[in-house]
Protein backbone atom coordinates (compact mmCIF):
# COMPACT_ATOMS: atom_id res chain seq x y z
CA UNK A 1 -5.55 -5.11 11.43
CA UNK A 2 -8.01 -6.88 13.90
CA UNK A 3 -10.01 -8.50 11.00
CA UNK A 4 -8.92 -12.33 12.15
CA UNK A 5 -10.09 -11.90 15.62
CA UNK A 6 -13.04 -14.06 16.48
CA UNK A 7 -15.93 -13.76 19.09
CA UNK A 8 -14.03 -16.56 21.31
CA UNK A 9 -10.90 -13.88 21.18
CA UNK A 10 -12.98 -10.91 22.01
CA UNK A 11 -14.58 -12.91 24.99
CA UNK A 12 -10.99 -13.85 26.12
CA UNK A 13 -9.87 -10.11 25.86
CA UNK A 14 -12.79 -8.62 27.63
CA UNK A 15 -12.43 -11.38 30.56
CA UNK A 16 -8.97 -10.20 31.07
CA UNK A 17 -9.64 -6.70 30.90
CA UNK A 18 -12.37 -7.35 33.40
CA UNK A 19 -9.82 -9.28 36.02
CA UNK A 20 -7.02 -6.63 35.56
CA UNK A 21 -9.33 -3.49 36.16
CA UNK A 22 -12.53 -4.80 38.18
CA UNK A 23 -16.20 -4.07 37.35
CA UNK A 24 -15.97 -0.47 38.63
CA UNK A 25 -13.36 0.72 36.63
CA UNK A 26 -14.03 -1.35 33.18
CA UNK A 27 -17.10 1.14 32.49
CA UNK A 28 -14.65 4.15 33.06
CA UNK A 29 -12.09 2.58 30.71
CA UNK A 30 -14.60 1.90 27.97
CA UNK A 31 -15.96 5.61 28.35
CA UNK A 32 -12.28 6.91 28.14
CA UNK A 33 -11.44 4.65 24.99
CA UNK A 34 -14.64 6.00 23.28
CA UNK A 35 -14.08 9.70 24.07
CA UNK A 36 -10.64 9.19 23.02
CA UNK A 37 -11.49 7.47 19.53
CA UNK A 38 -14.11 10.77 19.04
CA UNK A 39 -11.65 13.41 20.02
CA UNK A 40 -8.91 11.43 17.16
CA UNK A 41 -11.67 11.63 14.44
CA UNK A 42 -12.38 14.97 15.21
CA UNK A 43 -8.68 16.16 14.81
CA UNK A 44 -8.71 13.63 11.97
CA UNK A 45 -11.38 15.59 10.20
CA UNK A 46 -9.83 19.06 10.94
CA UNK A 47 -6.61 18.27 9.37
CA UNK A 48 -8.47 16.83 6.41
CA UNK A 49 -10.29 20.18 5.72
CA UNK A 50 -7.36 22.13 6.51
CA UNK A 51 -5.54 20.22 3.76
CA UNK A 52 -8.38 20.20 1.65
CA UNK A 53 -8.75 24.16 1.88
CA UNK A 54 -4.76 24.34 1.33
CA UNK A 55 -5.14 22.35 -2.21
CA UNK A 56 -8.27 24.54 -3.10
CA UNK A 57 -6.27 28.05 -2.52
CA UNK A 58 -3.26 26.53 -4.36
CA UNK A 59 -5.46 25.51 -7.42
CA UNK A 60 -6.70 28.98 -7.15
CA UNK A 61 -3.83 30.91 -7.07
CA UNK A 62 -2.78 28.75 -10.19
CA UNK A 63 -5.68 29.79 -12.19
CA UNK A 64 -4.91 33.69 -11.55
CA UNK A 65 -1.79 33.82 -11.84
CA UNK A 66 -0.49 33.29 -15.99
CA UNK A 67 2.43 30.83 -16.04
CA UNK A 68 5.63 32.19 -17.67
CA UNK A 69 6.25 29.32 -20.16
CA UNK A 70 2.50 30.46 -21.43
CA UNK A 71 3.61 34.09 -21.77
CA UNK A 72 7.33 33.60 -23.47
CA UNK A 73 5.30 31.57 -25.73
CA UNK A 74 2.95 33.58 -26.99
CA UNK A 75 5.11 36.76 -27.35
CA UNK A 76 5.41 39.13 -30.01
CA UNK A 77 6.48 38.32 -33.12
CA UNK A 78 9.16 40.22 -35.20
């Protein structure tokens, strides 16, 4: 998404942010963004783990319960 941004564009963005928020607010803003990113990654990891656990449980359930097709085909011969 931002792979085409060069160093000149980054410098302009930083200068605009500096003028908008001032020197004292900019570190607070950066810290807040960093913490938000960390929380987002943590939540993403928790969701991925939960989905992985659900998939594992479903696979285990399929292994435990026999399928109906297999029991019908392998039924008694008369």
